[in-house]
Amino acid sequence: MTTKTSKSVASGKIQLKWVRSAICTPVKHKKVVKGLGFTRLNQVIVRPDTAAIRGMVKKVPHLVEIVK
């Protein structure tokens, strides 16, 4: 028997929001934000919940937040 899950965020996914500009940040931080896939401020994206993505978010916690 199968059960329906909510469409908002499936298990194994993480929602990220870019909340602060990367203008006056080091180049490494800008590359991390770009590597996560952000293109504009206040954008919410869904990425797989892996150690690599968590590590990238940990490098720029002042620019990105995890949305519930």
Protein backbone atom coordinates (compact mmCIF):
# COMPACT_ATOMS: atom_id res chain seq x y z
CA MET A 1 0.00 0.00 0.00
CA THR A 2 1.41 3.39 -0.95
CA THR A 3 0.88 6.63 0.89
CA LYS A 4 0.83 10.13 -0.49
CA THR A 5 3.48 12.58 0.66
CA SER A 6 3.32 16.34 0.64
CA LYS A 7 4.65 18.01 -2.50
CA SER A 8 6.40 20.88 -0.68
CA VAL A 9 9.62 19.13 0.35
CA ALA A 10 10.20 15.43 -0.12
CA SER A 11 12.49 13.57 2.25
CA GLY A 12 16.13 13.96 1.37
CA LYS A 13 15.66 17.53 0.14
CA ILE A 14 16.61 20.85 1.71
CA GLN A 15 15.20 24.30 0.93
CA LEU A 16 17.69 27.16 0.90
CA LYS A 17 17.11 30.91 0.69
CA TRP A 18 19.68 33.53 -0.29
CA VAL A 19 19.07 36.32 2.23
CA ARG A 20 22.09 38.63 2.05
CA SER A 21 24.06 40.12 -0.82
CA ALA A 22 27.51 38.77 -1.61
CA ILE A 23 28.87 42.10 -2.86
CA CYS A 24 31.45 42.75 -0.12
CA THR A 25 32.32 39.12 0.55
CA PRO A 26 35.47 37.21 -0.44
CA VAL A 27 35.58 35.56 -3.86
CA LYS A 28 35.35 32.10 -2.24
CA HIS A 29 32.00 33.01 -0.69
CA LYS A 30 30.69 34.28 -4.02
CA LYS A 31 31.72 31.02 -5.67
CA VAL A 32 29.93 28.98 -3.00
CA VAL A 33 26.70 30.94 -3.52
CA LYS A 34 27.02 30.48 -7.28
CA GLY A 35 27.82 26.79 -6.81
CA LEU A 36 24.65 26.28 -4.80
CA GLY A 37 22.73 27.53 -7.81
CA PHE A 38 21.51 30.94 -6.68
CA THR A 39 20.97 33.61 -9.32
CA ARG A 40 19.16 36.37 -7.40
CA LEU A 41 18.60 37.60 -3.87
CA ASN A 42 15.66 36.16 -1.86
CA GLN A 43 15.54 33.15 -4.17
CA VAL A 44 14.45 29.84 -2.64
CA ILE A 45 15.92 26.67 -4.14
CA VAL A 46 15.60 22.97 -3.35
CA ARG A 47 18.73 20.84 -3.24
CA PRO A 48 19.41 17.26 -2.14
CA ASP A 49 20.25 16.99 1.56
CA THR A 50 23.81 15.72 1.19
CA ALA A 51 26.99 16.32 3.14
CA ALA A 52 28.40 18.39 0.27
CA ILE A 53 25.44 20.79 0.21
CA ARG A 54 25.44 21.04 4.02
CA GLY A 55 29.15 21.86 3.92
CA MET A 56 28.60 24.61 1.36
CA VAL A 57 25.84 26.12 3.49
CA LYS A 58 28.11 25.94 6.53
CA LYS A 59 30.72 28.06 4.71
CA VAL A 60 28.28 30.94 4.14
CA PRO A 61 25.74 30.89 7.00
CA HIS A 62 25.62 34.70 6.99
CA LEU A 63 24.38 34.74 3.37
CA VAL A 64 22.13 31.67 3.16
CA GLU A 65 19.46 30.26 5.45
CA ILE A 66 17.64 26.95 5.57
CA VAL A 67 13.89 27.37 5.03
CA LYS A 68 11.53 24.97 6.78
